[in-house]
Structure formats: C-alpha cells, structure tokens
C-alpha cells in the first residue's frame, strides 16, 4: 500500500495540502501560521534522560523491539551523542516546527 502521495512530497508543501484538505471539507478562511518553539527534553546534563525518552515513542519505539540488546544500546549511545550537541544551560533542547491551523465552518 505505501504512504499517502501527499506524504511523499515533504513538509515544504504542508500548507498547500492543509488548505486543499480543509477547503475540500467545507472550511473557509483557512490560515496556517508557523509556530517555531524550542522544546526542553531534559534537564542540564540530561542526555541519557533525553535518549531514554526518545526511545519510547514514534518510529524508534516500533523498531527497537526487533533489535538485539547490543543494537539497542548502540542506538541509545548514538542518541546521547546527538543530544550533547543540543545541551544548553537550560537543558537538552530541540527546535520544534509547529503550525497553528485555523478555519471557519
């Protein structure tokens, strides 16, 4: 079956897809406003905590059970190294791109 064709096109076309979907469903005055935030995943020096959190959600959580313990530990270690590059005095933070979507029925 595969992914929906819209998903193959990437996030750069997200606003156009949302407009098309919502207007096709009868919404008017559709607007999308980017909301770029920083998300704190863990406290300062919390790279291990952030790695643990990431391993419990999303696609990673579905893949990890199929890996050997050594492979899972390799994933965890790689995540910790990655999160070291995103550690600030506020903790482990990542940028998050969000959208505020509005429309009238």
PDB file of N, CA and C in Angstrom:
ATOM      1  N   UNK A   1       0.814  -1.184   0.000  1.00  0.00           N
ATOM      2  CA  UNK A   1       0.000   0.000   0.000  1.00  0.00           C
ATOM      3  C   UNK A   1       0.865   1.259   0.000  1.00  0.00           C
ATOM      4  N   UNK A   2       1.742   1.476   0.930  1.00  0.00           N
ATOM      5  CA  UNK A   2       2.645   2.615   0.922  1.00  0.00           C
ATOM      6  C   UNK A   2       2.022   3.882   1.479  1.00  0.00           C
ATOM      7  N   UNK A   3       2.858   4.908   1.650  1.00  0.00           N
ATOM      8  CA  UNK A   3       2.369   6.159   2.225  1.00  0.00           C
ATOM      9  C   UNK A   3       1.449   6.905   1.269  1.00  0.00           C
ATOM     10  N   UNK A   4       0.615   7.745   1.841  1.00  0.00           N
ATOM     11  CA  UNK A   4      -0.262   8.607   1.049  1.00  0.00           C
ATOM     12  C   UNK A   4       0.614   9.466   0.138  1.00  0.00           C
ATOM     13  N   UNK A   5       0.186   9.736  -1.111  1.00  0.00           N
ATOM     14  CA  UNK A   5       1.009  10.530  -2.029  1.00  0.00           C
ATOM     15  C   UNK A   5       1.422  11.885  -1.468  1.00  0.00           C
ATOM     16  N   UNK A   6       0.563  12.535  -0.691  1.00  0.00           N
ATOM     17  CA  UNK A   6       0.917  13.834  -0.114  1.00  0.00           C
ATOM     18  C   UNK A   6       2.113  13.723   0.818  1.00  0.00           C
ATOM     19  N   UNK A   7       2.246  12.594   1.502  1.00  0.00           N
ATOM     20  CA  UNK A   7       3.333  12.432   2.459  1.00  0.00           C
ATOM     21  C   UNK A   7       4.674  12.263   1.780  1.00  0.00           C
ATOM     22  N   UNK A   8       4.675  11.869   0.519  1.00  0.00           N
ATOM     23  CA  UNK A   8       5.926  11.684  -0.213  1.00  0.00           C
ATOM     24  C   UNK A   8       6.534  13.019  -0.634  1.00  0.00           C
ATOM     25  N   UNK A   9       5.766  14.095  -0.572  1.00  0.00           N
ATOM     26  CA  UNK A   9       6.220  15.372  -1.111  1.00  0.00           C
ATOM     27  C   UNK A   9       6.992  16.210  -0.116  1.00  0.00           C
ATOM     28  N   UNK A  10       6.959  15.904   1.144  1.00  0.00           N
ATOM     29  CA  UNK A  10       7.746  16.626   2.123  1.00  0.00           C
ATOM     30  C   UNK A  10       6.974  17.735   2.809  1.00  0.00           C
ATOM     31  N   UNK A  11       7.577  18.246   3.871  1.00  0.00           N
ATOM     32  CA  UNK A  11       6.914  19.251   4.696  1.00  0.00           C
ATOM     33  C   UNK A  11       6.818  20.614   4.021  1.00  0.00           C
ATOM     34  N   UNK A  12       7.626  20.874   2.996  1.00  0.00           N
ATOM     35  CA  UNK A  12       7.565  22.180   2.349  1.00  0.00           C
ATOM     36  C   UNK A  12       6.211  22.429   1.695  1.00  0.00           C
ATOM     37  N   UNK A  13       5.473  21.388   1.376  1.00  0.00           N
ATOM     38  CA  UNK A  13       4.150  21.536   0.762  1.00  0.00           C
ATOM     39  C   UNK A  13       3.022  21.400   1.777  1.00  0.00           C
ATOM     40  N   UNK A  14       3.342  21.327   3.040  1.00  0.00           N
ATOM     41  CA  UNK A  14       2.333  21.136   4.072  1.00  0.00           C
ATOM     42  C   UNK A  14       1.224  22.181   4.021  1.00  0.00           C
ATOM     43  N   UNK A  15       1.528  23.492   3.958  1.00  0.00           N
ATOM     44  CA  UNK A  15       0.435  24.477   3.927  1.00  0.00           C
ATOM     45  C   UNK A  15      -0.523  24.265   2.761  1.00  0.00           C
ATOM     46  N   UNK A  16      -0.014  24.000   1.593  1.00  0.00           N
ATOM     47  CA  UNK A  16      -0.879  23.792   0.424  1.00  0.00           C
ATOM     48  C   UNK A  16      -1.767  22.569   0.620  1.00  0.00           C
ATOM     49  N   UNK A  17      -1.228  21.498   1.173  1.00  0.00           N
ATOM     50  CA  UNK A  17      -2.027  20.285   1.425  1.00  0.00           C
ATOM     51  C   UNK A  17      -3.134  20.555   2.418  1.00  0.00           C
ATOM     52  N   UNK A  18      -2.802  21.271   3.495  1.00  0.00           N
ATOM     53  CA  UNK A  18      -3.793  21.555   4.525  1.00  0.00           C
ATOM     54  C   UNK A  18      -4.908  22.425   3.950  1.00  0.00           C
ATOM     55  N   UNK A  19      -4.526  23.451   3.188  1.00  0.00           N
ATOM     56  CA  UNK A  19      -5.548  24.285   2.546  1.00  0.00           C
ATOM     57  C   UNK A  19      -6.475  23.425   1.684  1.00  0.00           C
ATOM     58  N   UNK A  20      -5.897  22.578   0.854  1.00  0.00           N
ATOM     59  CA  UNK A  20      -6.682  21.736  -0.058  1.00  0.00           C
ATOM     60  C   UNK A  20      -7.618  20.808   0.727  1.00  0.00           C
ATOM     61  N   UNK A  21      -7.108  20.188   1.765  1.00  0.00           N
ATOM     62  CA  UNK A  21      -7.911  19.243   2.550  1.00  0.00           C
ATOM     63  C   UNK A  21      -9.042  19.965   3.276  1.00  0.00           C
ATOM     64  N   UNK A  22      -8.720  21.046   3.970  1.00  0.00           N
ATOM     65  CA  UNK A  22      -9.741  21.738   4.756  1.00  0.00           C
ATOM     66  C   UNK A  22     -10.771  22.439   3.865  1.00  0.00           C
ATOM     67  N   UNK A  23     -10.313  23.076   2.802  1.00  0.00           N
ATOM     68  CA  UNK A  23     -11.270  23.721   1.895  1.00  0.00           C
ATOM     69  C   UNK A  23     -12.139  22.680   1.212  1.00  0.00           C
ATOM     70  N   UNK A  24     -11.564  21.537   0.883  1.00  0.00           N
ATOM     71  CA  UNK A  24     -12.345  20.443   0.306  1.00  0.00           C
ATOM     72  C   UNK A  24     -13.366  19.879   1.276  1.00  0.00           C
ATOM     73  N   UNK A  25     -13.126  20.046   2.570  1.00  0.00           N
ATOM     74  CA  UNK A  25     -14.055  19.572   3.598  1.00  0.00           C
ATOM     75  C   UNK A  25     -15.075  20.646   3.985  1.00  0.00           C
ATOM     76  N   UNK A  26     -15.021  21.787   3.301  1.00  0.00           N
ATOM     77  CA  UNK A  26     -16.008  22.824   3.553  1.00  0.00           C
ATOM     78  C   UNK A  26     -15.567  23.966   4.444  1.00  0.00           C
ATOM     79  N   UNK A  27     -14.321  23.994   4.857  1.00  0.00           N
ATOM     80  CA  UNK A  27     -13.837  25.098   5.680  1.00  0.00           C
ATOM     81  C   UNK A  27     -13.502  26.295   4.790  1.00  0.00           C
ATOM     82  N   UNK A  28     -13.659  27.492   5.336  1.00  0.00           N
ATOM     83  CA  UNK A  28     -13.269  28.702   4.632  1.00  0.00           C
ATOM     84  C   UNK A  28     -12.295  29.476   5.511  1.00  0.00           C
ATOM     85  N   UNK A  29     -11.734  30.519   4.951  1.00  0.00           N
ATOM     86  CA  UNK A  29     -10.780  31.357   5.685  1.00  0.00           C
ATOM     87  C   UNK A  29      -9.700  30.515   6.377  1.00  0.00           C
ATOM     88  N   UNK A  30      -9.202  29.548   5.661  1.00  0.00           N
ATOM     89  CA  UNK A  30      -8.154  28.679   6.205  1.00  0.00           C
ATOM     90  C   UNK A  30      -6.849  29.465   6.286  1.00  0.00           C
ATOM     91  N   UNK A  31      -6.209  29.395   7.434  1.00  0.00           N
ATOM     92  CA  UNK A  31      -4.911  30.050   7.594  1.00  0.00           C
ATOM     93  C   UNK A  31      -3.981  29.136   8.376  1.00  0.00           C
ATOM     94  N   UNK A  32      -2.729  29.239   8.057  1.00  0.00           N
ATOM     95  CA  UNK A  32      -1.684  28.500   8.765  1.00  0.00           C
ATOM     96  C   UNK A  32      -0.623  29.498   9.195  1.00  0.00           C
ATOM     97  N   UNK A  33      -0.263  29.439  10.458  1.00  0.00           N
ATOM     98  CA  UNK A  33       0.761  30.324  10.991  1.00  0.00           C
ATOM     99  C   UNK A  33       1.846  29.461  11.619  1.00  0.00           C
ATOM    100  N   UNK A  34       3.103  29.626  11.163  1.00  0.00           N
ATOM    101  CA  UNK A  34       4.168  28.834  11.784  1.00  0.00           C
ATOM    102  C   UNK A  34       4.375  29.250  13.239  1.00  0.00           C
ATOM    103  N   UNK A  35       4.660  28.271  14.048  1.00  0.00           N
ATOM    104  CA  UNK A  35       4.941  28.500  15.466  1.00  0.00           C
ATOM    105  C   UNK A  35       6.182  27.678  15.796  1.00  0.00           C
ATOM    106  N   UNK A  36       7.318  28.335  15.745  1.00  0.00           N
ATOM    107  CA  UNK A  36       8.590  27.653  15.976  1.00  0.00           C
ATOM    108  C   UNK A  36       8.995  27.819  17.434  1.00  0.00           C
ATOM    109  N   UNK A  37       9.097  26.703  18.116  1.00  0.00           N
ATOM    110  CA  UNK A  37       9.401  26.687  19.544  1.00  0.00           C
ATOM    111  C   UNK A  37      10.674  25.906  19.799  1.00  0.00           C
ATOM    112  N   UNK A  38      11.128  25.982  21.019  1.00  0.00           N
ATOM    113  CA  UNK A  38      12.213  25.130  21.491  1.00  0.00           C
ATOM    114  C   UNK A  38      11.606  24.248  22.579  1.00  0.00           C
ATOM    115  N   UNK A  39      11.814  22.961  22.464  1.00  0.00           N
ATOM    116  CA  UNK A  39      11.257  22.004  23.420  1.00  0.00           C
ATOM    117  C   UNK A  39      12.378  21.493  24.312  1.00  0.00           C
ATOM    118  N   UNK A  40      12.175  21.587  25.608  1.00  0.00           N
ATOM    119  CA  UNK A  40      13.145  21.050  26.555  1.00  0.00           C
ATOM    120  C   UNK A  40      12.826  19.583  26.803  1.00  0.00           C
ATOM    121  N   UNK A  41      13.771  18.724  26.463  1.00  0.00           N
ATOM    122  CA  UNK A  41      13.596  17.283  26.628  1.00  0.00           C
ATOM    123  C   UNK A  41      14.098  16.781  27.969  1.00  0.00           C
ATOM    124  N   UNK A  42      15.063  17.469  28.534  1.00  0.00           N
ATOM    125  CA  UNK A  42      15.661  17.005  29.790  1.00  0.00           C
ATOM    126  C   UNK A  42      16.393  18.168  30.445  1.00  0.00           C
ATOM    127  N   UNK A  43      16.735  17.972  31.684  1.00  0.00           N
ATOM    128  CA  UNK A  43      17.483  18.971  32.444  1.00  0.00           C
ATOM    129  C   UNK A  43      18.928  19.040  31.938  1.00  0.00           C
ATOM    130  N   UNK A  44      19.692  20.049  32.399  1.00  0.00           N
ATOM    131  CA  UNK A  44      21.111  20.095  32.030  1.00  0.00           C
ATOM    132  C   UNK A  44      21.790  18.761  32.352  1.00  0.00           C
ATOM    133  N   UNK A  45      22.694  18.343  31.479  1.00  0.00           N
ATOM    134  CA  UNK A  45      23.403  17.063  31.597  1.00  0.00           C
ATOM    135  C   UNK A  45      22.430  15.889  31.534  1.00  0.00           C
ATOM    136  N   UNK A  46      21.307  16.065  30.859  1.00  0.00           N
ATOM    137  CA  UNK A  46      20.294  15.026  30.782  1.00  0.00           C
ATOM    138  C   UNK A  46      20.249  14.290  29.460  1.00  0.00           C
ATOM    139  N   UNK A  47      21.395  14.137  28.832  1.00  0.00           N
ATOM    140  CA  UNK A  47      21.429  13.463  27.537  1.00  0.00           C
ATOM    141  C   UNK A  47      20.887  12.038  27.617  1.00  0.00           C
ATOM    142  N   UNK A  48      21.224  11.316  28.690  1.00  0.00           N
ATOM    143  CA  UNK A  48      20.731   9.940  28.853  1.00  0.00           C
ATOM    144  C   UNK A  48      19.209   9.941  29.031  1.00  0.00           C
ATOM    145  N   UNK A  49      18.704  10.894  29.807  1.00  0.00           N
ATOM    146  CA  UNK A  49      17.256  11.003  30.010  1.00  0.00           C
ATOM    147  C   UNK A  49      16.545  11.295  28.688  1.00  0.00           C
ATOM    148  N   UNK A  50      17.104  12.201  27.882  1.00  0.00           N
ATOM    149  CA  UNK A  50      16.510  12.526  26.585  1.00  0.00           C
ATOM    150  C   UNK A  50      16.541  11.313  25.658  1.00  0.00           C
ATOM    151  N   UNK A  51      17.645  10.558  25.683  1.00  0.00           N
ATOM    152  CA  UNK A  51      17.741   9.348  24.846  1.00  0.00           C
ATOM    153  C   UNK A  51      16.684   8.335  25.267  1.00  0.00           C
ATOM    154  N   UNK A  52      16.540   8.135  26.564  1.00  0.00           N
ATOM    155  CA  UNK A  52      15.517   7.199  27.059  1.00  0.00           C
ATOM    156  C   UNK A  52      14.126   7.620  26.595  1.00  0.00           C
ATOM    157  N   UNK A  53      13.831   8.904  26.686  1.00  0.00           N
ATOM    158  CA  UNK A  53      12.528   9.425  26.273  1.00  0.00           C
ATOM    159  C   UNK A  53      12.288   9.162  24.792  1.00  0.00           C
ATOM    160  N   UNK A  54      13.272   9.481  23.952  1.00  0.00           N
ATOM    161  CA  UNK A  54      13.114   9.295  22.510  1.00  0.00           C
ATOM    162  C   UNK A  54      12.934   7.836  22.129  1.00  0.00           C
ATOM    163  N   UNK A  55      13.487   6.948  22.920  1.00  0.00           N
ATOM    164  CA  UNK A  55      13.387   5.517  22.606  1.00  0.00           C
ATOM    165  C   UNK A  55      12.022   4.932  22.949  1.00  0.00           C
ATOM    166  N   UNK A  56      11.152   5.722  23.561  1.00  0.00           N
ATOM    167  CA  UNK A  56       9.838   5.211  23.957  1.00  0.00           C
ATOM    168  C   UNK A  56       8.708   5.695  23.057  1.00  0.00           C
ATOM    169  N   UNK A  57       9.028   6.448  22.001  1.00  0.00           N
ATOM    170  CA  UNK A  57       7.946   6.997  21.188  1.00  0.00           C
ATOM    171  C   UNK A  57       8.285   6.970  19.705  1.00  0.00           C
ATOM    172  N   UNK A  58       7.268   7.144  18.901  1.00  0.00           N
ATOM    173  CA  UNK A  58       7.441   7.284  17.463  1.00  0.00           C
ATOM    174  C   UNK A  58       7.998   6.044  16.798  1.00  0.00           C
ATOM    175  N   UNK A  59       8.565   6.240  15.630  1.00  0.00           N
ATOM    176  CA  UNK A  59       9.079   5.112  14.847  1.00  0.00           C
ATOM    177  C   UNK A  59      10.158   4.319  15.580  1.00  0.00           C
ATOM    178  N   UNK A  60      10.945   5.008  16.374  1.00  0.00           N
ATOM    179  CA  UNK A  60      12.014   4.320  17.104  1.00  0.00           C
ATOM    180  C   UNK A  60      11.447   3.267  18.053  1.00  0.00           C
ATOM    181  N   UNK A  61      10.376   3.593  18.723  1.00  0.00           N
ATOM    182  CA  UNK A  61       9.761   2.646  19.662  1.00  0.00           C
ATOM    183  C   UNK A  61       9.246   1.397  18.953  1.00  0.00           C
ATOM    184  N   UNK A  62       8.883   1.538  17.691  1.00  0.00           N
ATOM    185  CA  UNK A  62       8.403   0.373  16.935  1.00  0.00           C
ATOM    186  C   UNK A  62       9.555  -0.490  16.416  1.00  0.00           C
ATOM    187  N   UNK A  63      10.691   0.120  16.177  1.00  0.00           N
ATOM    188  CA  UNK A  63      11.839  -0.603  15.612  1.00  0.00           C
ATOM    189  C   UNK A  63      12.669  -1.289  16.693  1.00  0.00           C
ATOM    190  N   UNK A  64      12.844  -0.630  17.817  1.00  0.00           N
ATOM    191  CA  UNK A  64      13.751  -1.129  18.857  1.00  0.00           C
ATOM    192  C   UNK A  64      13.471  -2.554  19.324  1.00  0.00           C
ATOM    193  N   UNK A  65      12.216  -2.972  19.488  1.00  0.00           N
ATOM    194  CA  UNK A  65      11.989  -4.347  19.945  1.00  0.00           C
ATOM    195  C   UNK A  65      12.543  -5.416  18.998  1.00  0.00           C
ATOM    196  N   UNK A  66      12.761  -5.052  17.746  1.00  0.00           N
ATOM    197  CA  UNK A  66      13.288  -6.007  16.765  1.00  0.00           C
ATOM    198  C   UNK A  66      14.811  -6.051  16.741  1.00  0.00           C
ATOM    199  N   UNK A  67      15.450  -5.200  17.533  1.00  0.00           N
ATOM    200  CA  UNK A  67      16.911  -5.150  17.553  1.00  0.00           C
ATOM    201  C   UNK A  67      17.461  -5.968  18.711  1.00  0.00           C
ATOM    202  N   UNK A  68      18.693  -6.361  18.549  1.00  0.00           N
ATOM    203  CA  UNK A  68      19.378  -7.070  19.636  1.00  0.00           C
ATOM    204  C   UNK A  68      19.696  -6.076  20.747  1.00  0.00           C
ATOM    205  N   UNK A  69      19.973  -6.573  21.965  1.00  0.00           N
ATOM    206  CA  UNK A  69      20.360  -5.657  23.048  1.00  0.00           C
ATOM    207  C   UNK A  69      21.561  -4.785  22.672  1.00  0.00           C
ATOM    208  N   UNK A  70      22.520  -5.352  21.976  1.00  0.00           N
ATOM    209  CA  UNK A  70      23.697  -4.573  21.574  1.00  0.00           C
ATOM    210  C   UNK A  70      23.313  -3.467  20.587  1.00  0.00           C
ATOM    211  N   UNK A  71      22.421  -3.777  19.662  1.00  0.00           N
ATOM    212  CA  UNK A  71      21.974  -2.761  18.712  1.00  0.00           C
ATOM    213  C   UNK A  71      21.177  -1.658  19.412  1.00  0.00           C
ATOM    214  N   UNK A  72      20.331  -2.034  20.355  1.00  0.00           N
ATOM    215  CA  UNK A  72      19.563  -1.030  21.111  1.00  0.00           C
ATOM    216  C   UNK A  72      20.502  -0.114  21.893  1.00  0.00           C
ATOM    217  N   UNK A  73      21.529  -0.689  22.485  1.00  0.00           N
ATOM    218  CA  UNK A  73      22.488   0.121  23.235  1.00  0.00           C
ATOM    219  C   UNK A  73      23.254   1.053  22.298  1.00  0.00           C
ATOM    220  N   UNK A  74      23.542   0.597  21.092  1.00  0.00           N
ATOM    221  CA  UNK A  74      24.208   1.441  20.103  1.00  0.00           C
ATOM    222  C   UNK A  74      23.310   2.624  19.723  1.00  0.00           C
ATOM    223  N   UNK A  75      22.027   2.372  19.546  1.00  0.00           N
ATOM    224  CA  UNK A  75      21.074   3.445  19.246  1.00  0.00           C
ATOM    225  C   UNK A  75      21.052   4.444  20.398  1.00  0.00           C
ATOM    226  N   UNK A  76      20.971   3.932  21.599  1.00  0.00           N
ATOM    227  CA  UNK A  76      20.922   4.796  22.783  1.00  0.00           C
ATOM    228  C   UNK A  76      22.185   5.656  22.887  1.00  0.00           C
ATOM    229  N   UNK A  77      23.347   5.052  22.690  1.00  0.00           N
ATOM    230  CA  UNK A  77      24.618   5.783  22.756  1.00  0.00           C
ATOM    231  C   UNK A  77      24.691   6.855  21.666  1.00  0.00           C
ATOM    232  N   UNK A  78      24.211   6.523  20.482  1.00  0.00           N
ATOM    233  CA  UNK A  78      24.197   7.489  19.372  1.00  0.00           C
ATOM    234  C   UNK A  78      23.287   8.665  19.696  1.00  0.00           C
ATOM    235  N   UNK A  79      22.130   8.386  20.287  1.00  0.00           N
ATOM    236  CA  UNK A  79      21.223   9.458  20.691  1.00  0.00           C
ATOM    237  C   UNK A  79      21.870  10.361  21.741  1.00  0.00           C
ATOM    238  N   UNK A  80      22.547   9.771  22.699  1.00  0.00           N
ATOM    239  CA  UNK A  80      23.210  10.577  23.729  1.00  0.00           C
ATOM    240  C   UNK A  80      24.232  11.524  23.114  1.00  0.00           C
ATOM    241  N   UNK A  81      25.008  11.025  22.162  1.00  0.00           N
ATOM    242  CA  UNK A  81      25.992  11.881  21.487  1.00  0.00           C
ATOM    243  C   UNK A  81      25.267  13.011  20.749  1.00  0.00           C
ATOM    244  N   UNK A  82      24.197  12.671  20.061  1.00  0.00           N
ATOM    245  CA  UNK A  82      23.420  13.687  19.348  1.00  0.00           C
ATOM    246  C   UNK A  82      22.902  14.752  20.321  1.00  0.00           C
ATOM    247  N   UNK A  83      22.340  14.329  21.444  1.00  0.00           N
ATOM    248  CA  UNK A  83      21.764  15.278  22.391  1.00  0.00           C
ATOM    249  C   UNK A  83      22.817  16.135  23.084  1.00  0.00           C
ATOM    250  N   UNK A  84      24.058  15.660  23.154  1.00  0.00           N
ATOM    251  CA  UNK A  84      25.127  16.506  23.703  1.00  0.00           C
ATOM    252  C   UNK A  84      25.266  17.781  22.880  1.00  0.00           C
ATOM    253  N   UNK A  85      25.007  17.674  21.581  1.00  0.00           N
ATOM    254  CA  UNK A  85      25.078  18.844  20.710  1.00  0.00           C
ATOM    255  C   UNK A  85      23.899  19.791  20.868  1.00  0.00           C
ATOM    256  N   UNK A  86      22.917  19.390  21.668  1.00  0.00           N
ATOM    257  CA  UNK A  86      21.726  20.214  21.884  1.00  0.00           C
ATOM    258  C   UNK A  86      21.521  20.526  23.373  1.00  0.00           C
ATOM    259  N   UNK A  87      22.625  20.464  24.123  1.00  0.00           N
ATOM    260  CA  UNK A  87      22.553  20.750  25.548  1.00  0.00           C
ATOM    261  C   UNK A  87      22.972  22.201  25.787  1.00  0.00           C
ATOM    262  N   UNK A  88      22.120  22.889  26.525  1.00  0.00           N
ATOM    263  CA  UNK A  88      22.390  24.279  26.889  1.00  0.00           C
ATOM    264  C   UNK A  88      22.336  24.384  28.409  1.00  0.00           C
ATOM    265  N   UNK A  89      22.488  25.603  28.903  1.00  0.00           N
ATOM    266  CA  UNK A  89      22.362  25.798  30.348  1.00  0.00           C
ATOM    267  C   UNK A  89      20.928  25.529  30.816  1.00  0.00           C
ATOM    268  N   UNK A  90      19.986  25.541  29.884  1.00  0.00           N
ATOM    269  CA  UNK A  90      18.583  25.251  30.198  1.00  0.00           C
ATOM    270  C   UNK A  90      18.280  23.761  30.180  1.00  0.00           C
ATOM    271  N   UNK A  91      19.160  22.982  29.593  1.00  0.00           N
ATOM    272  CA  UNK A  91      18.947  21.543  29.481  1.00  0.00           C
ATOM    273  C   UNK A  91      19.092  21.091  28.048  1.00  0.00           C
ATOM    274  N   UNK A  92      18.589  19.900  27.752  1.00  0.00           N
ATOM    275  CA  UNK A  92      18.620  19.358  26.396  1.00  0.00           C
ATOM    276  C   UNK A  92      17.400  19.911  25.669  1.00  0.00           C
ATOM    277  N   UNK A  93      17.649  20.669  24.616  1.00  0.00           N
ATOM    278  CA  UNK A  93      16.563  21.327  23.884  1.00  0.00           C
ATOM    279  C   UNK A  93      16.665  21.024  22.395  1.00  0.00           C
ATOM    280  N   UNK A  94      15.513  20.965  21.761  1.00  0.00           N
ATOM    281  CA  UNK A  94      15.436  20.780  20.310  1.00  0.00           C
ATOM    282  C   UNK A  94      14.465  21.793  19.732  1.00  0.00           C
ATOM    283  N   UNK A  95      14.754  22.262  18.511  1.00  0.00           N
ATOM    284  CA  UNK A  95      13.774  23.135  17.863  1.00  0.00           C
ATOM    285  C   UNK A  95      12.565  22.305  17.438  1.00  0.00           C
ATOM    286  N   UNK A  96      11.406  22.928  17.446  1.00  0.00           N
ATOM    287  CA  UNK A  96      10.179  22.245  17.035  1.00  0.00           C
ATOM    288  C   UNK A  96       9.396  23.161  16.111  1.00  0.00           C
ATOM    289  N   UNK A  97       9.120  22.685  14.927  1.00  0.00           N
ATOM    290  CA  UNK A  97       8.318  23.447  13.966  1.00  0.00           C
ATOM    291  C   UNK A  97       6.873  22.988  14.079  1.00  0.00           C
ATOM    292  N   UNK A  98       6.002  23.910  14.412  1.00  0.00           N
ATOM    293  CA  UNK A  98       4.576  23.622  14.568  1.00  0.00           C
ATOM    294  C   UNK A  98       3.782  24.580  13.698  1.00  0.00           C
ATOM    295  N   UNK A  99       2.517  24.277  13.519  1.00  0.00           N
ATOM    296  CA  UNK A  99       1.619  25.147  12.772  1.00  0.00           C
ATOM    297  C   UNK A  99       0.358  25.368  13.580  1.00  0.00           C
ATOM    298  N   UNK A 100      -0.119  26.608  13.608  1.00  0.00           N
ATOM    299  CA  UNK A 100      -1.439  26.921  14.138  1.00  0.00           C
ATOM    300  C   UNK A 100      -2.350  26.973  12.906  1.00  0.00           C
ATOM    301  N   UNK A 101      -3.337  26.094  12.868  1.00  0.00           N
ATOM    302  CA  UNK A 101      -4.228  25.995  11.719  1.00  0.00           C
ATOM    303  C   UNK A 101      -5.607  26.483  12.145  1.00  0.00           C
ATOM    304  N   UNK A 102      -6.155  27.398  11.348  1.00  0.00           N
ATOM    305  CA  UNK A 102      -7.485  27.935  11.638  1.00  0.00           C
ATOM    306  C   UNK A 102      -8.342  27.861  10.388  1.00  0.00           C
ATOM    307  N   UNK A 103      -9.634  27.736  10.607  1.00  0.00           N
ATOM    308  CA  UNK A 103     -10.590  27.768   9.509  1.00  0.00           C
ATOM    309  C   UNK A 103     -11.993  27.931  10.048  1.00  0.00           C
ATOM    310  N   UNK A 104     -12.876  28.397   9.212  1.00  0.00           N
ATOM    311  CA  UNK A 104     -14.280  28.571   9.603  1.00  0.00           C
ATOM    312  C   UNK A 104     -15.139  27.519   8.923  1.00  0.00           C
ATOM    313  N   UNK A 105     -16.137  27.065   9.656  1.00  0.00           N
ATOM    314  CA  UNK A 105     -17.074  26.072   9.120  1.00  0.00           C
ATOM    315  C   UNK A 105     -18.211  26.806   8.446  1.00  0.00           C
TER     316      UNK A 105
END
